[in-house]
Amino acid sequence: MAKKTSVKVRLVPELKPDSAYNYYIKKPSAGEKAKVKIRLKKYNPSTRKHEWFVEKKLPPHSK
């Protein structure tokens, strides 16, 4: 079985991490870009502004 080339990460607003809105994106799992934390400017519909979103750990899921 092949290894995964990307991993899913969650982006939350930098100023309000407990906000109801967040983004999910794919990030490479190996290489130099895998070690860098992602910081993107995205639109936040709850504040109706473009804000900085930072990478956080995915929440634990329950089975």
Protein backbone atom coordinates (compact mmCIF):
# COMPACT_ATOMS: atom_id res chain seq x y z
CA MET A 1 0.00 0.00 0.00
CA ALA A 2 1.30 3.45 -0.90
CA LYS A 3 2.06 6.14 1.65
CA LYS A 4 -0.12 9.22 1.86
CA THR A 5 1.36 12.25 0.11
CA SER A 6 -0.79 14.79 1.94
CA VAL A 7 -2.49 15.24 5.27
CA LYS A 8 -5.63 17.19 6.20
CA VAL A 9 -5.19 20.24 8.48
CA ARG A 10 -7.61 22.73 9.99
CA LEU A 11 -7.23 26.50 9.65
CA VAL A 12 -8.78 28.68 12.38
CA PRO A 13 -8.86 32.49 12.68
CA GLU A 14 -5.73 33.81 14.36
CA LEU A 15 -7.54 36.41 16.47
CA LYS A 16 -10.55 34.25 17.45
CA PRO A 17 -9.54 30.56 17.47
CA ASP A 18 -12.85 29.59 19.10
CA SER A 19 -14.80 30.99 16.12
CA ALA A 20 -17.50 28.81 14.58
CA TYR A 21 -15.94 29.06 11.12
CA ASN A 22 -12.78 27.25 9.95
CA TYR A 23 -11.20 25.89 6.77
CA TYR A 24 -9.87 22.39 6.03
CA ILE A 25 -7.04 22.06 3.51
CA LYS A 26 -4.51 19.47 2.38
CA LYS A 27 -0.85 19.87 3.26
CA PRO A 28 2.09 17.72 2.08
CA SER A 29 3.05 15.03 4.57
CA ALA A 30 6.73 14.83 3.59
CA GLY A 31 9.40 17.25 2.53
CA GLU A 32 10.31 20.75 3.59
CA LYS A 33 6.79 22.21 3.28
CA ALA A 34 5.46 19.65 5.77
CA LYS A 35 7.45 21.23 8.61
CA VAL A 36 6.19 24.80 8.05
CA LYS A 37 2.99 25.92 9.79
CA ILE A 38 0.47 27.33 7.32
CA ARG A 39 -0.77 30.92 7.70
CA LEU A 40 -3.19 32.15 5.03
CA LYS A 41 -5.40 35.18 4.60
CA LYS A 42 -8.94 33.90 4.02
CA TYR A 43 -12.46 35.28 4.21
CA ASN A 44 -14.31 34.88 7.52
CA PRO A 45 -18.10 35.07 6.96
CA SER A 46 -18.85 35.57 10.66
CA THR A 47 -16.93 38.87 10.75
CA ARG A 48 -17.38 39.61 7.03
CA LYS A 49 -13.66 40.39 6.63
CA HIS A 50 -10.49 38.82 5.32
CA GLU A 51 -8.42 37.60 8.27
CA TRP A 52 -5.31 35.56 8.94
CA PHE A 53 -6.02 31.86 9.47
CA VAL A 54 -3.42 29.62 11.16
CA GLU A 55 -2.97 25.87 11.27
CA LYS A 56 -4.23 24.00 14.32
CA LYS A 57 -4.51 20.33 15.20
CA LEU A 58 -7.63 18.48 14.08
CA PRO A 59 -10.11 17.83 16.87
CA PRO A 60 -10.18 14.25 18.19
CA HIS A 61 -12.99 12.19 16.73
CA SER A 62 -15.04 9.71 18.70
CA LYS A 63 -16.15 6.30 17.52
